[in-house]
Amino acid sequence: MGQDLNNTAGMGHNWVVSTQLLENYGAHDDESTGKFSDGQAYWKFKSGTDYIVSGVHSAADAMAFVMAKFAINCLELKEFPADVVTEEHWLDEIDEGPEYDSGYKDFKLKYAKRVSPAL
C-alpha cells in the first residue's frame, strides 16, 4: 500500500481492493488429492480482481467487505484481498506507470467490478 490510508477515510471515497488468486494445480489431477498433508499441493499465483467499492467509510471497511462477499477458500482456489487504495490513486497508478499503455488502462477499467454493500 503506497498511500497513508488512515488519513483518507470517509464516505466520499471509492476504494479499489485488488485481490490475489491462487490455484492449486495438484487438485486438478484425478490421481492427486491436492492436499498439503499428502504432499500433493501445487499452488500457483494467478491474477486477481479489482473491486471498486463505494458506500463504505474506510479502506479497512472496503477490504472487509470484499473479503466477506467475494473471497474464495477451497482446495482448488484461494482468492483474498491483497491491496487497497483510493480509486483516484488507482487511476493515477494506471496513468503514470511506465509499463502501462492505453490498452492496459482500458482492460483494467473494463474488468474492474463496481460493488457496494448497498447493492
Protein backbone atom coordinates (compact mmCIF):
# COMPACT_ATOMS: atom_id res chain seq x y z
CA MET A 1 0.00 0.00 0.00
CA GLY A 2 1.61 3.19 -1.17
CA GLN A 3 -0.65 5.78 0.42
CA ASP A 4 -1.49 6.70 4.01
CA LEU A 5 -4.95 5.18 4.26
CA ASN A 6 -5.52 6.37 7.82
CA ASN A 7 -5.77 9.97 6.58
CA THR A 8 -8.06 9.34 3.61
CA ALA A 9 -11.06 7.63 5.19
CA GLY A 10 -14.55 8.87 4.54
CA MET A 11 -17.72 8.17 2.63
CA GLY A 12 -16.60 10.48 -0.19
CA HIS A 13 -14.02 7.99 -1.44
CA ASN A 14 -14.34 4.95 -3.60
CA TRP A 15 -11.77 2.31 -2.74
CA VAL A 16 -10.13 -0.18 -5.07
CA VAL A 17 -9.48 -3.52 -3.42
CA SER A 18 -7.26 -5.79 -5.50
CA THR A 19 -7.39 -9.49 -4.79
CA GLN A 20 -4.80 -12.23 -5.23
CA LEU A 21 -5.86 -15.57 -6.68
CA LEU A 22 -4.01 -18.82 -6.01
CA GLU A 23 -4.80 -22.00 -7.95
CA ASN A 24 -3.93 -25.48 -6.70
CA TYR A 25 -2.79 -27.45 -9.74
CA GLY A 26 -2.48 -30.51 -7.53
CA ALA A 27 -6.25 -30.56 -7.06
CA HIS A 28 -6.98 -30.96 -10.80
CA ASP A 29 -5.45 -34.40 -11.24
CA ASP A 30 -7.79 -37.36 -10.70
CA GLU A 31 -4.97 -39.30 -9.03
CA SER A 32 -4.00 -36.47 -6.67
CA THR A 33 -5.77 -35.16 -3.58
CA GLY A 34 -4.17 -31.72 -3.85
CA LYS A 35 -3.71 -31.69 -0.08
CA PHE A 36 -0.64 -30.47 1.79
CA SER A 37 -0.90 -33.43 4.15
CA ASP A 38 -0.42 -35.80 1.20
CA GLY A 39 2.40 -33.72 -0.28
CA GLN A 40 0.30 -33.14 -3.40
CA ALA A 41 -0.48 -29.43 -3.15
CA TYR A 42 0.95 -27.40 -6.04
CA TRP A 43 -0.11 -23.74 -5.77
CA LYS A 44 0.49 -21.04 -8.40
CA PHE A 45 -0.20 -17.33 -8.29
CA LYS A 46 -2.84 -16.11 -10.76
CA SER A 47 -4.24 -12.67 -11.41
CA GLY A 48 -6.98 -11.48 -9.11
CA THR A 49 -9.81 -8.99 -9.45
CA ASP A 50 -10.04 -5.24 -8.87
CA TYR A 51 -13.18 -4.28 -6.93
CA ILE A 52 -14.18 -0.59 -6.91
CA VAL A 53 -16.02 -0.29 -3.60
CA SER A 54 -18.39 2.57 -2.76
CA GLY A 55 -20.57 3.22 0.26
CA VAL A 56 -18.04 2.36 2.98
CA HIS A 57 -16.26 4.61 5.49
CA SER A 58 -12.67 3.41 5.24
CA ALA A 59 -10.09 1.31 3.45
CA ALA A 60 -10.46 -1.33 6.16
CA ASP A 61 -14.23 -1.44 5.60
CA ALA A 62 -13.67 -1.88 1.87
CA MET A 63 -11.23 -4.76 2.42
CA ALA A 64 -13.51 -6.44 4.95
CA PHE A 65 -16.50 -6.13 2.59
CA VAL A 66 -14.59 -7.68 -0.33
CA MET A 67 -13.32 -10.47 1.93
CA ALA A 68 -16.80 -11.26 3.23
CA LYS A 69 -18.55 -11.06 -0.14
CA PHE A 70 -16.03 -12.34 -2.70
CA ALA A 71 -13.25 -14.34 -1.01
CA ILE A 72 -12.76 -17.97 -2.03
CA ASN A 73 -11.21 -20.56 0.25
CA CYS A 74 -11.38 -24.12 -1.03
CA LEU A 75 -9.00 -26.91 -2.04
CA GLU A 76 -8.76 -25.75 -5.66
CA LEU A 77 -8.67 -21.94 -5.25
CA LYS A 78 -7.90 -19.18 -2.77
CA GLU A 79 -8.83 -15.57 -3.51
CA PHE A 80 -8.37 -12.85 -0.92
CA PRO A 81 -7.86 -9.06 -0.66
CA ALA A 82 -4.22 -8.12 -1.13
CA ASP A 83 -4.17 -4.33 -1.57
CA VAL A 84 -6.41 -1.29 -1.16
CA VAL A 85 -6.06 2.28 -2.46
CA THR A 86 -8.43 5.10 -3.28
CA GLU A 87 -9.94 4.96 -6.75
CA GLU A 88 -8.15 8.22 -7.55
CA HIS A 89 -4.78 6.71 -6.59
CA TRP A 90 -5.53 3.55 -8.59
CA LEU A 91 -6.35 5.60 -11.70
CA ASP A 92 -3.17 7.67 -11.24
CA GLU A 93 -1.10 4.47 -11.00
CA ILE A 94 -2.59 3.21 -14.26
CA ASP A 95 -1.92 6.54 -15.99
CA GLU A 96 1.62 7.05 -14.68
CA GLY A 97 3.14 3.58 -14.71
CA PRO A 98 5.89 3.30 -17.33
CA GLU A 99 4.93 -0.28 -18.22
CA TYR A 100 1.28 0.60 -18.83
CA ASP A 101 -0.32 1.76 -22.05
CA SER A 102 -3.81 2.86 -23.03
CA GLY A 103 -4.76 -0.74 -23.85
CA TYR A 104 -3.85 -1.79 -20.32
CA LYS A 105 -5.91 1.04 -18.82
CA ASP A 106 -8.89 0.12 -21.00
CA PHE A 107 -8.54 -3.50 -19.87
CA LYS A 108 -8.35 -2.57 -16.17
CA LEU A 109 -11.40 -0.30 -16.41
CA LYS A 110 -13.43 -2.84 -18.39
CA TYR A 111 -12.89 -5.71 -15.97
CA ALA A 112 -12.92 -3.88 -12.62
CA LYS A 113 -16.10 -4.69 -10.72
CA ARG A 114 -18.10 -1.89 -9.10
CA VAL A 115 -19.58 -3.11 -5.81
CA SER A 116 -21.19 -1.69 -2.69
CA PRO A 117 -22.76 -3.09 0.47
CA ALA A 118 -25.89 -1.12 -0.53
CA LEU A 119 -26.34 -3.01 -3.83
